[in-house]
């Protein structure tokens, strides 16, 4: 059985993981766990997301995220989702 950590921004994303993704993935042999970088929710940035994902990588088979691109903190003007993903990947320690 594979274990996947999904770093979520807030309560809405956490509930989506619990109510939709967990049953769907569980039926396929994947345990999905929603993880919030802090209990407040929101205020997500590369500086908060990358270390949270790196820390979880030691205990899970895979780590991904489910965050709101529209409200992402310190997003650059005209930055695409792909650009932001590249910044997050670059910020994750090896």
C-alpha atoms as a PDB file:
ATOM      1  CA  UNK A   1       0.000   0.000   0.000  1.00  0.00           C
ATOM      2  CA  UNK A   2       1.371   3.413  -1.032  1.00  0.00           C
ATOM      3  CA  UNK A   3       1.140   6.422   1.288  1.00  0.00           C
ATOM      4  CA  UNK A   4       0.712   9.917  -0.169  1.00  0.00           C
ATOM      5  CA  UNK A   5       0.890  13.162   1.822  1.00  0.00           C
ATOM      6  CA  UNK A   6      -1.129  16.013   0.364  1.00  0.00           C
ATOM      7  CA  UNK A   7      -0.110  19.395   1.769  1.00  0.00           C
ATOM      8  CA  UNK A   8      -3.275  21.475   1.873  1.00  0.00           C
ATOM      9  CA  UNK A   9      -3.796  25.189   2.354  1.00  0.00           C
ATOM     10  CA  UNK A  10      -6.859  25.230   4.574  1.00  0.00           C
ATOM     11  CA  UNK A  11     -10.027  23.539   5.771  1.00  0.00           C
ATOM     12  CA  UNK A  12     -11.719  23.426   2.345  1.00  0.00           C
ATOM     13  CA  UNK A  13      -8.829  21.573   0.709  1.00  0.00           C
ATOM     14  CA  UNK A  14      -8.503  19.279   3.737  1.00  0.00           C
ATOM     15  CA  UNK A  15     -12.183  18.311   3.496  1.00  0.00           C
ATOM     16  CA  UNK A  16     -11.828  17.699  -0.254  1.00  0.00           C
ATOM     17  CA  UNK A  17      -8.982  15.275   0.415  1.00  0.00           C
ATOM     18  CA  UNK A  18     -10.945  13.504   3.153  1.00  0.00           C
ATOM     19  CA  UNK A  19     -14.295  13.286   1.357  1.00  0.00           C
ATOM     20  CA  UNK A  20     -13.229  12.839  -2.268  1.00  0.00           C
ATOM     21  CA  UNK A  21      -9.594  11.811  -2.680  1.00  0.00           C
ATOM     22  CA  UNK A  22      -9.241   9.425   0.264  1.00  0.00           C
ATOM     23  CA  UNK A  23     -12.138   7.154  -0.781  1.00  0.00           C
ATOM     24  CA  UNK A  24     -11.140   7.271  -4.462  1.00  0.00           C
ATOM     25  CA  UNK A  25      -7.451   6.561  -3.874  1.00  0.00           C
ATOM     26  CA  UNK A  26      -8.117   4.137  -1.028  1.00  0.00           C
ATOM     27  CA  UNK A  27     -10.073   1.908  -3.398  1.00  0.00           C
ATOM     28  CA  UNK A  28      -6.895   1.745  -5.484  1.00  0.00           C
ATOM     29  CA  UNK A  29      -4.543   0.861  -2.634  1.00  0.00           C
ATOM     30  CA  UNK A  30      -3.299   4.373  -1.917  1.00  0.00           C
ATOM     31  CA  UNK A  31      -3.573   5.982   1.517  1.00  0.00           C
ATOM     32  CA  UNK A  32      -3.931   9.768   1.119  1.00  0.00           C
ATOM     33  CA  UNK A  33      -3.304  11.986   4.138  1.00  0.00           C
ATOM     34  CA  UNK A  34      -4.111  15.710   4.183  1.00  0.00           C
ATOM     35  CA  UNK A  35      -1.500  17.795   6.015  1.00  0.00           C
ATOM     36  CA  UNK A  36      -1.731  21.535   6.798  1.00  0.00           C
ATOM     37  CA  UNK A  37       1.586  23.388   7.265  1.00  0.00           C
ATOM     38  CA  UNK A  38      -0.071  25.319  10.108  1.00  0.00           C
ATOM     39  CA  UNK A  39      -3.388  25.190  11.901  1.00  0.00           C
ATOM     40  CA  UNK A  40      -4.529  28.628  10.701  1.00  0.00           C
ATOM     41  CA  UNK A  41      -4.841  27.673   7.052  1.00  0.00           C
ATOM     42  CA  UNK A  42      -4.299  30.094   4.198  1.00  0.00           C
ATOM     43  CA  UNK A  43      -1.198  32.270   3.914  1.00  0.00           C
ATOM     44  CA  UNK A  44       0.572  29.705   1.741  1.00  0.00           C
ATOM     45  CA  UNK A  45       3.866  30.605   0.100  1.00  0.00           C
ATOM     46  CA  UNK A  46       6.881  28.900  -1.436  1.00  0.00           C
ATOM     47  CA  UNK A  47       8.768  29.559   1.809  1.00  0.00           C
ATOM     48  CA  UNK A  48       6.172  27.615   3.812  1.00  0.00           C
ATOM     49  CA  UNK A  49       5.215  24.966   1.285  1.00  0.00           C
ATOM     50  CA  UNK A  50       8.656  23.688   0.225  1.00  0.00           C
ATOM     51  CA  UNK A  51       9.972  22.898   3.755  1.00  0.00           C
ATOM     52  CA  UNK A  52       6.672  21.242   4.711  1.00  0.00           C
ATOM     53  CA  UNK A  53       6.839  19.011   1.650  1.00  0.00           C
ATOM     54  CA  UNK A  54      10.513  18.182   2.231  1.00  0.00           C
ATOM     55  CA  UNK A  55       9.863  17.200   5.849  1.00  0.00           C
ATOM     56  CA  UNK A  56       7.010  14.873   4.853  1.00  0.00           C
ATOM     57  CA  UNK A  57       9.020  13.167   2.115  1.00  0.00           C
ATOM     58  CA  UNK A  58      10.824  11.030   4.699  1.00  0.00           C
ATOM     59  CA  UNK A  59       7.619   9.346   5.878  1.00  0.00           C
ATOM     60  CA  UNK A  60       5.572   9.010   2.687  1.00  0.00           C
ATOM     61  CA  UNK A  61       5.993   7.348  -0.690  1.00  0.00           C
ATOM     62  CA  UNK A  62       4.936  10.573  -2.419  1.00  0.00           C
ATOM     63  CA  UNK A  63       4.190  14.173  -1.456  1.00  0.00           C
ATOM     64  CA  UNK A  64       2.062  16.635  -3.389  1.00  0.00           C
ATOM     65  CA  UNK A  65       0.062  19.775  -2.683  1.00  0.00           C
ATOM     66  CA  UNK A  66      -3.442  21.134  -3.096  1.00  0.00           C
ATOM     67  CA  UNK A  67      -3.347  24.910  -2.727  1.00  0.00           C
ATOM     68  CA  UNK A  68      -5.123  27.949  -4.131  1.00  0.00           C
ATOM     69  CA  UNK A  69      -2.972  29.515  -6.858  1.00  0.00           C
ATOM     70  CA  UNK A  70      -5.106  32.666  -6.878  1.00  0.00           C
ATOM     71  CA  UNK A  71      -4.329  33.494  -3.226  1.00  0.00           C
ATOM     72  CA  UNK A  72      -0.719  32.268  -3.267  1.00  0.00           C
ATOM     73  CA  UNK A  73       1.474  34.706  -1.304  1.00  0.00           C
ATOM     74  CA  UNK A  74       4.326  36.561  -3.004  1.00  0.00           C
ATOM     75  CA  UNK A  75       3.300  35.310  -6.445  1.00  0.00           C
ATOM     76  CA  UNK A  76       5.176  37.171  -9.159  1.00  0.00           C
ATOM     77  CA  UNK A  77       3.279  39.300 -11.710  1.00  0.00           C
ATOM     78  CA  UNK A  78       2.288  37.195 -14.728  1.00  0.00           C
ATOM     79  CA  UNK A  79       3.644  34.050 -13.047  1.00  0.00           C
ATOM     80  CA  UNK A  80       2.065  30.857 -14.373  1.00  0.00           C
ATOM     81  CA  UNK A  81       1.304  27.730 -12.384  1.00  0.00           C
ATOM     82  CA  UNK A  82       4.248  26.059 -14.121  1.00  0.00           C
ATOM     83  CA  UNK A  83       6.586  28.906 -13.055  1.00  0.00           C
ATOM     84  CA  UNK A  84       5.368  28.601  -9.471  1.00  0.00           C
ATOM     85  CA  UNK A  85       5.813  24.824  -9.517  1.00  0.00           C
ATOM     86  CA  UNK A  86       9.406  25.323 -10.683  1.00  0.00           C
ATOM     87  CA  UNK A  87      10.047  27.769  -7.811  1.00  0.00           C
ATOM     88  CA  UNK A  88       8.614  25.282  -5.302  1.00  0.00           C
ATOM     89  CA  UNK A  89      10.732  22.427  -6.729  1.00  0.00           C
ATOM     90  CA  UNK A  90      13.863  24.601  -6.567  1.00  0.00           C
ATOM     91  CA  UNK A  91      13.135  25.540  -2.937  1.00  0.00           C
ATOM     92  CA  UNK A  92      12.825  21.928  -1.715  1.00  0.00           C
ATOM     93  CA  UNK A  93      16.126  20.916  -0.118  1.00  0.00           C
ATOM     94  CA  UNK A  94      17.803  17.863  -1.682  1.00  0.00           C
END
